[in-house]
Amino acid sequence: MVLADLTGLFLAWLARLITGAQGHWKGCPPTAEQRIYFANHQSHFDWVLIWASLPGELRVRTRPIAARDYWTGSKLRTWLTTAVFNAVYVSRTRSTPDEDPLEPLVEALQGGDSLVIFPEGTRSNKGAPQAFKAGLFHLSEQFPDVELIPTWIDNVQRVMPKGEVVPVPILCTVTFGEPMRIEPGEDKRAFLERARAAVMALRPGGWKE
């Protein structure tokens, strides 16, 4: 077993140790289907927690999305995202008008990988997710056979709040919901609102806006 594999096992163990988190599969079993897990986004720790909550056989083909500017900002972060997590880098700003920010995600899906994405596009500490951006809709259009799994991460903002680098031991949960797809004739706005509602519905104890 190489260093990256050992590091991955250690980080998964550490994430569960700090948060006590395990995946709660409410609407689908943890099977090796190609999927896009889309979740609320409150911390840099989010995708580590989702990744750690997956069974080992699913982690191998499930790749988180990582902001290129932040996660390539040091040699350690670059190594973690490439060697350990096999992340898909995305740019938060376009270098040219013709650049397609979804291209790396499309290539990963074409290669048979599953993805972990955060449709808000940025972190929020307001509790309710911000409006979802259009990327999830376009990916679902291009890959209609890929299951879309709404995912709610609870309490993680208290483990590693925005701006912090040292996690605090707090009990967290990751809840995976029922797969969804674009309905016939459903437009972008309606789909994104339904996807956001599906994520919010997984919050333990329900939701009141």
N, C-alpha and C. Protein backbone atom coordinates (compact mmCIF):
# COMPACT_ATOMS: atom_id res chain seq x y z
N MET A 1 0.85 -1.19 0.00
CA MET A 1 0.00 0.00 0.00
C MET A 1 0.89 1.25 0.00
N VAL A 2 0.61 2.18 -0.92
CA VAL A 2 1.45 3.36 -1.06
C VAL A 2 1.03 4.42 -0.04
N LEU A 3 1.87 5.46 0.06
CA LEU A 3 1.65 6.51 1.05
C LEU A 3 0.28 7.18 0.88
N ALA A 4 -0.12 7.43 -0.37
CA ALA A 4 -1.40 8.09 -0.61
C ALA A 4 -2.56 7.25 -0.07
N ASP A 5 -2.49 5.94 -0.28
CA ASP A 5 -3.56 5.05 0.22
C ASP A 5 -3.61 5.07 1.74
N LEU A 6 -2.45 5.00 2.37
CA LEU A 6 -2.39 5.04 3.84
C LEU A 6 -2.90 6.37 4.37
N THR A 7 -2.55 7.44 3.68
CA THR A 7 -3.02 8.76 4.10
C THR A 7 -4.54 8.85 3.98
N GLY A 8 -5.09 8.30 2.91
CA GLY A 8 -6.53 8.31 2.73
C GLY A 8 -7.25 7.55 3.83
N LEU A 9 -6.73 6.38 4.18
CA LEU A 9 -7.33 5.60 5.27
C LEU A 9 -7.23 6.35 6.59
N PHE A 10 -6.09 6.98 6.82
CA PHE A 10 -5.91 7.75 8.06
C PHE A 10 -6.87 8.93 8.13
N LEU A 11 -7.02 9.67 7.03
CA LEU A 11 -7.91 10.83 7.04
C LEU A 11 -9.36 10.42 7.20
N ALA A 12 -9.75 9.31 6.58
CA ALA A 12 -11.12 8.82 6.76
C ALA A 12 -11.36 8.45 8.22
N TRP A 13 -10.38 7.77 8.83
CA TRP A 13 -10.48 7.41 10.25
C TRP A 13 -10.51 8.66 11.13
N LEU A 14 -9.67 9.65 10.80
CA LEU A 14 -9.60 10.86 11.60
C LEU A 14 -10.90 11.65 11.50
N ALA A 15 -11.47 11.73 10.29
CA ALA A 15 -12.73 12.45 10.12
C ALA A 15 -13.84 11.82 10.94
N ARG A 16 -13.88 10.49 10.94
CA ARG A 16 -14.90 9.81 11.74
C ARG A 16 -14.62 9.96 13.23
N LEU A 17 -13.34 9.99 13.61
CA LEU A 17 -13.00 10.17 15.01
C LEU A 17 -13.42 11.55 15.51
N ILE A 18 -13.15 12.58 14.72
CA ILE A 18 -13.46 13.95 15.13
C ILE A 18 -14.96 14.20 15.15
N THR A 19 -15.68 13.64 14.17
CA THR A 19 -17.10 13.99 14.01
C THR A 19 -18.06 12.88 14.42
N GLY A 20 -17.55 11.64 14.56
CA GLY A 20 -18.43 10.51 14.83
C GLY A 20 -19.35 10.20 13.66
N ALA A 21 -19.05 10.75 12.50
CA ALA A 21 -19.98 10.68 11.37
C ALA A 21 -19.91 9.34 10.63
N GLN A 22 -21.07 8.89 10.26
CA GLN A 22 -21.23 7.78 9.33
C GLN A 22 -22.32 8.18 8.35
N GLY A 23 -22.30 7.56 7.18
CA GLY A 23 -23.33 7.87 6.20
C GLY A 23 -24.67 7.28 6.58
N HIS A 24 -25.72 8.10 6.50
CA HIS A 24 -27.09 7.64 6.71
C HIS A 24 -27.76 7.58 5.34
N TRP A 25 -28.01 6.37 4.87
CA TRP A 25 -28.54 6.18 3.52
C TRP A 25 -30.06 6.08 3.60
N LYS A 26 -30.73 7.24 3.48
CA LYS A 26 -32.18 7.30 3.65
C LYS A 26 -32.95 6.93 2.38
N GLY A 27 -32.40 7.27 1.24
CA GLY A 27 -33.16 7.08 0.01
C GLY A 27 -32.50 6.20 -1.01
N CYS A 28 -31.31 5.68 -0.73
CA CYS A 28 -30.61 4.83 -1.67
C CYS A 28 -29.57 4.02 -0.91
N PRO A 29 -29.23 2.83 -1.40
CA PRO A 29 -28.19 2.03 -0.76
C PRO A 29 -26.81 2.48 -1.24
N PRO A 30 -25.76 2.20 -0.47
CA PRO A 30 -24.39 2.57 -0.88
C PRO A 30 -23.83 1.57 -1.89
N THR A 31 -24.36 1.63 -3.11
CA THR A 31 -23.92 0.72 -4.16
C THR A 31 -23.04 1.45 -5.17
N ALA A 32 -22.33 0.67 -5.97
CA ALA A 32 -21.32 1.23 -6.89
C ALA A 32 -21.95 1.72 -8.19
N GLU A 33 -23.02 2.51 -8.09
CA GLU A 33 -23.61 3.15 -9.26
C GLU A 33 -22.85 4.45 -9.53
N GLN A 34 -22.80 4.86 -10.79
CA GLN A 34 -22.20 6.16 -11.07
C GLN A 34 -23.16 7.25 -10.60
N ARG A 35 -22.65 8.16 -9.77
CA ARG A 35 -23.52 9.14 -9.13
C ARG A 35 -22.86 10.52 -9.07
N ILE A 36 -23.72 11.52 -8.92
CA ILE A 36 -23.28 12.85 -8.53
C ILE A 36 -23.92 13.13 -7.18
N TYR A 37 -23.10 13.19 -6.15
CA TYR A 37 -23.57 13.56 -4.82
C TYR A 37 -23.53 15.09 -4.72
N PHE A 38 -24.67 15.73 -4.53
CA PHE A 38 -24.69 17.19 -4.44
C PHE A 38 -25.19 17.60 -3.06
N ALA A 39 -24.46 18.52 -2.44
CA ALA A 39 -24.66 18.79 -1.01
C ALA A 39 -24.60 20.27 -0.68
N ASN A 40 -25.09 20.59 0.52
CA ASN A 40 -24.89 21.93 1.08
C ASN A 40 -23.40 22.13 1.39
N HIS A 41 -22.98 23.39 1.42
CA HIS A 41 -21.54 23.68 1.51
C HIS A 41 -21.29 24.73 2.58
N GLN A 42 -20.63 24.33 3.68
CA GLN A 42 -20.38 25.25 4.78
C GLN A 42 -18.92 25.30 5.22
N SER A 43 -18.09 24.38 4.72
CA SER A 43 -16.72 24.30 5.24
C SER A 43 -15.83 23.58 4.23
N HIS A 44 -14.51 23.85 4.32
CA HIS A 44 -13.54 23.08 3.52
C HIS A 44 -13.57 21.60 3.91
N PHE A 45 -14.11 21.30 5.07
CA PHE A 45 -14.15 19.92 5.56
C PHE A 45 -15.29 19.12 4.94
N ASP A 46 -16.19 19.79 4.21
CA ASP A 46 -17.40 19.13 3.70
C ASP A 46 -17.10 17.89 2.88
N TRP A 47 -16.26 18.07 1.85
CA TRP A 47 -16.08 16.92 0.96
C TRP A 47 -15.23 15.83 1.60
N VAL A 48 -14.39 16.20 2.57
CA VAL A 48 -13.67 15.16 3.31
C VAL A 48 -14.66 14.31 4.11
N LEU A 49 -15.65 14.96 4.70
CA LEU A 49 -16.64 14.25 5.49
C LEU A 49 -17.51 13.33 4.63
N ILE A 50 -17.94 13.82 3.46
CA ILE A 50 -18.71 12.97 2.55
C ILE A 50 -17.85 11.79 2.10
N TRP A 51 -16.64 12.06 1.69
CA TRP A 51 -15.73 11.01 1.21
C TRP A 51 -15.50 9.96 2.30
N ALA A 52 -15.31 10.40 3.54
CA ALA A 52 -15.07 9.49 4.65
C ALA A 52 -16.31 8.68 4.99
N SER A 53 -17.50 9.20 4.66
CA SER A 53 -18.75 8.51 4.97
C SER A 53 -19.08 7.43 3.95
N LEU A 54 -18.39 7.42 2.82
CA LEU A 54 -18.64 6.41 1.80
C LEU A 54 -17.89 5.12 2.13
N PRO A 55 -18.46 3.97 1.80
CA PRO A 55 -17.70 2.72 1.93
C PRO A 55 -16.44 2.77 1.07
N GLY A 56 -15.43 2.04 1.47
CA GLY A 56 -14.14 2.08 0.79
C GLY A 56 -14.23 1.83 -0.70
N GLU A 57 -15.10 0.89 -1.11
CA GLU A 57 -15.18 0.56 -2.53
C GLU A 57 -15.79 1.70 -3.35
N LEU A 58 -16.55 2.59 -2.70
CA LEU A 58 -17.10 3.73 -3.42
C LEU A 58 -16.12 4.91 -3.48
N ARG A 59 -15.27 5.03 -2.47
CA ARG A 59 -14.30 6.12 -2.46
C ARG A 59 -13.36 6.06 -3.66
N VAL A 60 -13.06 4.85 -4.09
CA VAL A 60 -12.08 4.66 -5.18
C VAL A 60 -12.52 5.39 -6.44
N ARG A 61 -13.85 5.42 -6.71
CA ARG A 61 -14.34 6.04 -7.95
C ARG A 61 -15.16 7.29 -7.70
N THR A 62 -15.07 7.86 -6.51
CA THR A 62 -15.82 9.08 -6.20
C THR A 62 -14.85 10.22 -5.99
N ARG A 63 -14.97 11.25 -6.82
CA ARG A 63 -14.00 12.34 -6.83
C ARG A 63 -14.64 13.66 -6.41
N PRO A 64 -14.08 14.33 -5.43
CA PRO A 64 -14.61 15.64 -5.03
C PRO A 64 -14.18 16.72 -6.01
N ILE A 65 -14.97 17.78 -6.06
CA ILE A 65 -14.61 18.95 -6.84
C ILE A 65 -13.83 19.91 -5.94
N ALA A 66 -12.71 20.41 -6.42
CA ALA A 66 -11.85 21.28 -5.60
C ALA A 66 -11.52 22.56 -6.37
N ALA A 67 -11.64 23.70 -5.70
CA ALA A 67 -11.30 24.98 -6.32
C ALA A 67 -9.79 25.03 -6.57
N ARG A 68 -9.42 25.20 -7.82
CA ARG A 68 -8.00 25.14 -8.20
C ARG A 68 -7.16 26.18 -7.46
N ASP A 69 -7.66 27.41 -7.34
CA ASP A 69 -6.84 28.46 -6.77
C ASP A 69 -6.50 28.18 -5.30
N TYR A 70 -7.44 27.59 -4.56
CA TYR A 70 -7.17 27.31 -3.14
C TYR A 70 -6.38 26.02 -2.96
N TRP A 71 -6.82 24.95 -3.60
CA TRP A 71 -6.26 23.63 -3.32
C TRP A 71 -4.92 23.36 -4.01
N THR A 72 -4.48 24.27 -4.88
CA THR A 72 -3.12 24.18 -5.42
C THR A 72 -2.24 25.27 -4.84
N GLY A 73 -2.69 25.87 -3.73
CA GLY A 73 -1.96 26.97 -3.13
C GLY A 73 -0.73 26.55 -2.34
N SER A 74 -0.56 25.26 -2.08
CA SER A 74 0.64 24.76 -1.40
C SER A 74 0.92 23.35 -1.91
N LYS A 75 2.15 22.89 -1.69
CA LYS A 75 2.51 21.54 -2.14
C LYS A 75 1.70 20.48 -1.41
N LEU A 76 1.45 20.69 -0.11
CA LEU A 76 0.68 19.71 0.66
C LEU A 76 -0.75 19.61 0.15
N ARG A 77 -1.42 20.75 -0.04
CA ARG A 77 -2.80 20.72 -0.52
C ARG A 77 -2.88 20.11 -1.91
N THR A 78 -1.90 20.43 -2.75
CA THR A 78 -1.88 19.86 -4.10
C THR A 78 -1.73 18.34 -4.04
N TRP A 79 -0.83 17.87 -3.18
CA TRP A 79 -0.62 16.43 -3.06
C TRP A 79 -1.87 15.73 -2.52
N LEU A 80 -2.49 16.31 -1.51
CA LEU A 80 -3.70 15.71 -0.94
C LEU A 80 -4.81 15.59 -1.98
N THR A 81 -5.02 16.65 -2.73
CA THR A 81 -6.14 16.63 -3.68
C THR A 81 -5.85 15.77 -4.90
N THR A 82 -4.59 15.62 -5.27
CA THR A 82 -4.28 14.80 -6.44
C THR A 82 -4.02 13.34 -6.07
N ALA A 83 -3.11 13.11 -5.14
CA ALA A 83 -2.68 11.74 -4.83
C ALA A 83 -3.66 11.01 -3.92
N VAL A 84 -4.26 11.71 -2.96
CA VAL A 84 -5.12 11.04 -1.98
C VAL A 84 -6.57 11.04 -2.42
N PHE A 85 -7.11 12.22 -2.76
CA PHE A 85 -8.54 12.33 -3.07
C PHE A 85 -8.87 12.26 -4.55
N ASN A 86 -7.86 12.35 -5.41
CA ASN A 86 -8.09 12.33 -6.86
C ASN A 86 -9.15 13.34 -7.25
N ALA A 87 -9.03 14.55 -6.71
CA ALA A 87 -10.03 15.58 -6.92
C ALA A 87 -10.03 16.08 -8.37
N VAL A 88 -11.17 16.64 -8.75
CA VAL A 88 -11.30 17.31 -10.04
C VAL A 88 -11.17 18.81 -9.79
N TYR A 89 -10.16 19.43 -10.35
CA TYR A 89 -9.97 20.86 -10.15
C TYR A 89 -10.91 21.66 -11.06
N VAL A 90 -11.50 22.69 -10.48
CA VAL A 90 -12.31 23.62 -11.26
C VAL A 90 -11.82 25.04 -10.97
N SER A 91 -11.95 25.89 -11.97
CA SER A 91 -11.56 27.30 -11.82
C SER A 91 -12.78 28.12 -11.45
N ARG A 92 -12.63 28.99 -10.47
CA ARG A 92 -13.75 29.83 -10.04
C ARG A 92 -13.94 31.05 -10.95
N THR A 93 -12.92 31.35 -11.74
CA THR A 93 -13.04 32.42 -12.73
C THR A 93 -12.54 31.88 -14.08
N ARG A 94 -13.12 32.36 -15.13
CA ARG A 94 -12.73 31.91 -16.48
C ARG A 94 -11.47 32.66 -16.93
N SER A 95 -10.50 31.90 -17.45
CA SER A 95 -9.29 32.53 -17.96
C SER A 95 -9.52 33.12 -19.35
N THR A 96 -10.48 32.56 -20.10
CA THR A 96 -10.86 33.09 -21.41
C THR A 96 -12.39 33.03 -21.51
N PRO A 97 -13.00 33.85 -22.35
CA PRO A 97 -14.46 33.83 -22.49
C PRO A 97 -14.99 32.48 -22.96
N ASP A 98 -14.17 31.73 -23.68
CA ASP A 98 -14.62 30.46 -24.25
C ASP A 98 -14.42 29.27 -23.30
N GLU A 99 -13.80 29.50 -22.15
CA GLU A 99 -13.53 28.40 -21.22
C GLU A 99 -14.83 27.85 -20.64
N ASP A 100 -14.98 26.54 -20.65
CA ASP A 100 -16.15 25.89 -20.08
C ASP A 100 -15.78 25.35 -18.70
N PRO A 101 -16.31 25.94 -17.63
CA PRO A 101 -15.92 25.49 -16.29
C PRO A 101 -16.37 24.08 -15.97
N LEU A 102 -17.32 23.56 -16.75
CA LEU A 102 -17.81 22.19 -16.50
C LEU A 102 -16.97 21.13 -17.22
N GLU A 103 -16.06 21.54 -18.08
CA GLU A 103 -15.31 20.57 -18.87
C GLU A 103 -14.59 19.51 -18.03
N PRO A 104 -13.88 19.87 -16.94
CA PRO A 104 -13.23 18.83 -16.13
C PRO A 104 -14.23 17.84 -15.52
N LEU A 105 -15.42 18.33 -15.15
CA LEU A 105 -16.44 17.46 -14.57
C LEU A 105 -16.99 16.51 -15.64
N VAL A 106 -17.19 17.04 -16.82
CA VAL A 106 -17.69 16.22 -17.93
C VAL A 106 -16.69 15.10 -18.24
N GLU A 107 -15.40 15.44 -18.27
CA GLU A 107 -14.38 14.44 -18.56
C GLU A 107 -14.36 13.35 -17.49
N ALA A 108 -14.54 13.74 -16.23
CA ALA A 108 -14.55 12.75 -15.15
C ALA A 108 -15.75 11.83 -15.27
N LEU A 109 -16.91 12.37 -15.60
CA LEU A 109 -18.11 11.55 -15.76
C LEU A 109 -18.00 10.65 -16.98
N GLN A 110 -17.41 11.16 -18.04
CA GLN A 110 -17.19 10.33 -19.23
C GLN A 110 -16.26 9.16 -18.93
N GLY A 111 -15.35 9.36 -17.94
CA GLY A 111 -14.44 8.30 -17.55
C GLY A 111 -15.04 7.30 -16.57
N GLY A 112 -16.31 7.51 -16.20
CA GLY A 112 -16.99 6.55 -15.33
C GLY A 112 -16.92 6.87 -13.84
N ASP A 113 -16.33 8.02 -13.48
CA ASP A 113 -16.22 8.38 -12.07
C ASP A 113 -17.52 8.97 -11.55
N SER A 114 -17.70 8.89 -10.24
CA SER A 114 -18.74 9.63 -9.55
C SER A 114 -18.13 10.93 -9.02
N LEU A 115 -19.00 11.90 -8.71
CA LEU A 115 -18.52 13.21 -8.27
C LEU A 115 -19.22 13.64 -6.98
N VAL A 116 -18.52 14.48 -6.21
CA VAL A 116 -19.11 15.20 -5.08
C VAL A 116 -19.06 16.68 -5.44
N ILE A 117 -20.23 17.33 -5.54
CA ILE A 117 -20.24 18.74 -5.92
C ILE A 117 -21.09 19.54 -4.94
N PHE A 118 -20.88 20.85 -4.97
CA PHE A 118 -21.61 21.78 -4.11
C PHE A 118 -22.24 22.84 -5.00
N PRO A 119 -23.52 22.67 -5.35
CA PRO A 119 -24.14 23.53 -6.37
C PRO A 119 -24.27 25.00 -5.98
N GLU A 120 -24.08 25.33 -4.70
CA GLU A 120 -24.10 26.74 -4.32
C GLU A 120 -22.91 27.49 -4.93
N GLY A 121 -21.82 26.77 -5.14
CA GLY A 121 -20.64 27.39 -5.73
C GLY A 121 -19.71 28.05 -4.74
N THR A 122 -20.16 28.27 -3.51
CA THR A 122 -19.34 28.87 -2.47
C THR A 122 -19.87 28.43 -1.12
N ARG A 123 -19.08 28.64 -0.08
CA ARG A 123 -19.51 28.24 1.26
C ARG A 123 -20.44 29.29 1.85
N SER A 124 -21.34 28.81 2.70
CA SER A 124 -22.28 29.71 3.37
C SER A 124 -22.43 29.27 4.82
N ASN A 125 -22.56 30.24 5.72
CA ASN A 125 -22.79 29.92 7.13
C ASN A 125 -24.18 30.35 7.59
N LYS A 126 -25.09 30.50 6.62
CA LYS A 126 -26.43 30.98 6.93
C LYS A 126 -27.42 29.86 7.24
N GLY A 127 -26.97 28.61 7.19
CA GLY A 127 -27.87 27.49 7.48
C GLY A 127 -28.50 26.96 6.22
N ALA A 128 -29.47 27.68 5.67
CA ALA A 128 -30.11 27.26 4.42
C ALA A 128 -29.15 27.44 3.25
N PRO A 129 -29.10 26.48 2.34
CA PRO A 129 -28.23 26.63 1.17
C PRO A 129 -28.64 27.84 0.34
N GLN A 130 -27.65 28.47 -0.28
CA GLN A 130 -27.94 29.53 -1.24
C GLN A 130 -28.54 28.91 -2.50
N ALA A 131 -29.06 29.76 -3.38
CA ALA A 131 -29.62 29.28 -4.65
C ALA A 131 -28.56 28.47 -5.41
N PHE A 132 -28.99 27.36 -6.01
CA PHE A 132 -28.07 26.50 -6.74
C PHE A 132 -27.73 27.12 -8.10
N LYS A 133 -26.47 26.97 -8.49
CA LYS A 133 -26.03 27.41 -9.81
C LYS A 133 -26.38 26.36 -10.85
N ALA A 134 -26.25 26.73 -12.11
CA ALA A 134 -26.80 25.93 -13.20
C ALA A 134 -26.00 24.66 -13.53
N GLY A 135 -24.79 24.52 -13.00
CA GLY A 135 -23.94 23.39 -13.39
C GLY A 135 -24.59 22.04 -13.18
N LEU A 136 -25.29 21.85 -12.06
CA LEU A 136 -25.93 20.57 -11.78
C LEU A 136 -26.97 20.23 -12.85
N PHE A 137 -27.71 21.24 -13.28
CA PHE A 137 -28.72 21.03 -14.33
C PHE A 137 -28.06 20.60 -15.64
N HIS A 138 -27.00 21.29 -16.03
CA HIS A 138 -26.35 20.97 -17.31
C HIS A 138 -25.70 19.59 -17.27
N LEU A 139 -25.11 19.22 -16.15
CA LEU A 139 -24.53 17.87 -16.04
C LEU A 139 -25.61 16.80 -16.12
N SER A 140 -26.75 17.06 -15.49
CA SER A 140 -27.84 16.09 -15.55
C SER A 140 -28.38 15.96 -16.96
N GLU A 141 -28.41 17.06 -17.69
CA GLU A 141 -28.84 17.00 -19.09
C GLU A 141 -27.89 16.15 -19.93
N GLN A 142 -26.59 16.34 -19.70
CA GLN A 142 -25.60 15.61 -20.51
C GLN A 142 -25.46 14.16 -20.11
N PHE A 143 -25.75 13.85 -18.84
CA PHE A 143 -25.57 12.48 -18.32
C PHE A 143 -26.86 12.03 -17.62
N PRO A 144 -27.90 11.77 -18.41
CA PRO A 144 -29.20 11.44 -17.81
C PRO A 144 -29.22 10.12 -17.05
N ASP A 145 -28.25 9.25 -17.31
CA ASP A 145 -28.23 7.94 -16.63
C ASP A 145 -27.44 7.98 -15.32
N VAL A 146 -26.79 9.08 -15.03
CA VAL A 146 -26.05 9.21 -13.78
C VAL A 146 -27.01 9.63 -12.67
N GLU A 147 -27.03 8.88 -11.57
CA GLU A 147 -27.93 9.20 -10.47
C GLU A 147 -27.48 10.48 -9.76
N LEU A 148 -28.43 11.34 -9.45
CA LEU A 148 -28.17 12.55 -8.67
C LEU A 148 -28.64 12.29 -7.24
N ILE A 149 -27.71 12.35 -6.30
CA ILE A 149 -28.02 12.01 -4.90
C ILE A 149 -27.95 13.27 -4.03
N PRO A 150 -29.11 13.78 -3.59
CA PRO A 150 -29.08 14.91 -2.65
C PRO A 150 -28.44 14.48 -1.34
N THR A 151 -27.64 15.35 -0.77
CA THR A 151 -26.85 15.01 0.43
C THR A 151 -26.87 16.19 1.39
N TRP A 152 -27.16 15.89 2.65
CA TRP A 152 -27.15 16.95 3.67
C TRP A 152 -26.03 16.66 4.67
N ILE A 153 -25.15 17.66 4.86
CA ILE A 153 -24.09 17.58 5.86
C ILE A 153 -24.52 18.44 7.03
N ASP A 154 -24.62 17.85 8.21
CA ASP A 154 -25.13 18.59 9.36
C ASP A 154 -24.04 18.83 10.39
N ASN A 155 -23.94 20.09 10.81
CA ASN A 155 -23.08 20.49 11.93
C ASN A 155 -21.63 20.72 11.55
N VAL A 156 -21.27 20.50 10.29
CA VAL A 156 -19.85 20.57 9.93
C VAL A 156 -19.29 21.98 10.05
N GLN A 157 -20.16 23.00 9.95
CA GLN A 157 -19.67 24.37 10.07
C GLN A 157 -19.10 24.64 11.45
N ARG A 158 -19.50 23.83 12.44
CA ARG A 158 -18.95 24.00 13.79
C ARG A 158 -17.64 23.23 13.96
N VAL A 159 -17.39 22.26 13.09
CA VAL A 159 -16.13 21.51 13.13
C VAL A 159 -15.00 22.34 12.56
N MET A 160 -15.25 22.95 11.40
CA MET A 160 -14.21 23.79 10.77
C MET A 160 -14.90 24.99 10.14
N PRO A 161 -15.17 26.03 10.94
CA PRO A 161 -15.82 27.23 10.40
C PRO A 161 -14.95 27.90 9.35
N LYS A 162 -15.59 28.72 8.54
CA LYS A 162 -14.87 29.45 7.50
C LYS A 162 -13.75 30.27 8.12
N GLY A 163 -12.53 30.12 7.60
CA GLY A 163 -11.38 30.84 8.11
C GLY A 163 -10.54 30.07 9.10
N GLU A 164 -11.07 28.93 9.61
CA GLU A 164 -10.32 28.13 10.57
C GLU A 164 -9.57 27.00 9.86
N VAL A 165 -8.48 26.53 10.48
CA VAL A 165 -7.70 25.45 9.88
C VAL A 165 -7.59 24.24 10.78
N VAL A 166 -7.97 24.37 12.04
CA VAL A 166 -7.89 23.25 12.98
C VAL A 166 -9.31 22.79 13.33
N PRO A 167 -9.66 21.52 13.04
CA PRO A 167 -11.02 21.05 13.32
C PRO A 167 -11.29 20.90 14.82
N VAL A 168 -12.55 21.11 15.19
CA VAL A 168 -13.00 20.96 16.57
C VAL A 168 -13.90 19.73 16.64
N PRO A 169 -13.71 18.83 17.63
CA PRO A 169 -14.54 17.63 17.72
C PRO A 169 -16.02 17.98 17.97
N ILE A 170 -16.87 17.72 17.00
CA ILE A 170 -18.31 17.95 17.09
C ILE A 170 -19.01 16.82 16.32
N LEU A 171 -20.10 16.30 16.87
CA LEU A 171 -20.83 15.23 16.20
C LEU A 171 -21.49 15.75 14.92
N CYS A 172 -21.25 15.08 13.81
CA CYS A 172 -21.82 15.46 12.51
C CYS A 172 -22.55 14.26 11.89
N THR A 173 -23.41 14.56 10.93
CA THR A 173 -24.06 13.50 10.16
C THR A 173 -23.99 13.84 8.68
N VAL A 174 -23.98 12.80 7.85
CA VAL A 174 -24.08 12.95 6.41
C VAL A 174 -25.25 12.06 5.97
N THR A 175 -26.27 12.67 5.40
CA THR A 175 -27.47 11.93 5.01
C THR A 175 -27.62 11.94 3.50
N PHE A 176 -27.74 10.76 2.91
CA PHE A 176 -27.88 10.60 1.47
C PHE A 176 -29.35 10.30 1.15
N GLY A 177 -29.91 11.06 0.23
CA GLY A 177 -31.33 10.95 -0.07
C GLY A 177 -31.65 10.10 -1.30
N GLU A 178 -32.88 10.23 -1.74
CA GLU A 178 -33.38 9.45 -2.88
C GLU A 178 -32.86 10.02 -4.19
N PRO A 179 -32.42 9.18 -5.12
CA PRO A 179 -31.92 9.68 -6.41
C PRO A 179 -32.99 10.50 -7.14
N MET A 180 -32.54 11.51 -7.87
CA MET A 180 -33.46 12.32 -8.66
C MET A 180 -32.87 12.57 -10.04
N ARG A 181 -33.73 12.91 -10.97
CA ARG A 181 -33.33 13.24 -12.33
C ARG A 181 -34.20 14.38 -12.83
N ILE A 182 -33.82 14.97 -13.95
CA ILE A 182 -34.66 15.99 -14.58
C ILE A 182 -35.95 15.34 -15.05
N GLU A 183 -37.08 15.95 -14.72
CA GLU A 183 -38.37 15.45 -15.18
C GLU A 183 -38.61 15.90 -16.62
N PRO A 184 -39.38 15.12 -17.40
CA PRO A 184 -39.70 15.54 -18.77
C PRO A 184 -40.31 16.94 -18.80
N GLY A 185 -39.73 17.81 -19.60
CA GLY A 185 -40.25 19.16 -19.73
C GLY A 185 -39.88 20.11 -18.61
N GLU A 186 -39.11 19.65 -17.62
CA GLU A 186 -38.75 20.50 -16.49
C GLU A 186 -37.67 21.51 -16.91
N ASP A 187 -37.90 22.78 -16.60
CA ASP A 187 -36.90 23.78 -16.97
C ASP A 187 -35.83 23.91 -15.89
N LYS A 188 -34.81 24.69 -16.21
CA LYS A 188 -33.64 24.81 -15.32
C LYS A 188 -34.03 25.34 -13.94
N ARG A 189 -34.80 26.40 -13.91
CA ARG A 189 -35.15 27.00 -12.63
C ARG A 189 -35.92 26.03 -11.74
N ALA A 190 -36.90 25.37 -12.31
CA ALA A 190 -37.72 24.43 -11.52
C ALA A 190 -36.87 23.27 -11.01
N PHE A 191 -35.97 22.78 -11.86
CA PHE A 191 -35.12 21.66 -11.44
C PHE A 191 -34.21 22.07 -10.30
N LEU A 192 -33.57 23.23 -10.42
CA LEU A 192 -32.63 23.66 -9.38
C LEU A 192 -33.34 23.93 -8.06
N GLU A 193 -34.54 24.47 -8.12
CA GLU A 193 -35.32 24.68 -6.89
C GLU A 193 -35.69 23.34 -6.26
N ARG A 194 -36.05 22.38 -7.10
CA ARG A 194 -36.40 21.05 -6.57
C ARG A 194 -35.18 20.35 -5.99
N ALA A 195 -34.02 20.50 -6.64
CA ALA A 195 -32.79 19.89 -6.13
C ALA A 195 -32.41 20.50 -4.78
N ARG A 196 -32.51 21.81 -4.66
CA ARG A 196 -32.21 22.48 -3.39
C ARG A 196 -33.17 22.01 -2.29
N ALA A 197 -34.44 21.90 -2.63
CA ALA A 197 -35.43 21.44 -1.65
C ALA A 197 -35.15 20.01 -1.21
N ALA A 198 -34.67 19.18 -2.15
CA ALA A 198 -34.35 17.78 -1.82
C ALA A 198 -33.21 17.70 -0.82
N VAL A 199 -32.21 18.58 -0.96
CA VAL A 199 -31.11 18.63 0.00
C VAL A 199 -31.61 19.10 1.37
N MET A 200 -32.39 20.16 1.38
CA MET A 200 -32.87 20.72 2.63
C MET A 200 -33.79 19.76 3.38
N ALA A 201 -34.53 18.94 2.64
CA ALA A 201 -35.46 18.00 3.27
C ALA A 201 -34.75 16.92 4.08
N LEU A 202 -33.44 16.77 3.86
CA LEU A 202 -32.69 15.73 4.56
C LEU A 202 -32.15 16.20 5.90
N ARG A 203 -32.30 17.47 6.20
CA ARG A 203 -31.79 17.98 7.47
C ARG A 203 -32.48 17.27 8.64
N PRO A 204 -31.71 16.73 9.60
CA PRO A 204 -32.32 16.06 10.75
C PRO A 204 -33.28 17.00 11.48
N GLY A 205 -34.48 16.50 11.72
CA GLY A 205 -35.48 17.32 12.40
C GLY A 205 -36.29 18.19 11.48
N GLY A 206 -36.02 18.13 10.15
CA GLY A 206 -36.80 18.93 9.22
C GLY A 206 -36.23 20.33 9.05
N TRP A 207 -36.96 21.17 8.35
CA TRP A 207 -36.47 22.50 8.02
C TRP A 207 -37.61 23.51 8.06
N LYS A 208 -37.30 24.67 8.61
CA LYS A 208 -38.22 25.80 8.57
C LYS A 208 -37.43 27.03 8.15
N GLU A 209 -37.81 27.61 6.99
CA GLU A 209 -37.12 28.81 6.53
C GLU A 209 -37.78 30.04 7.12
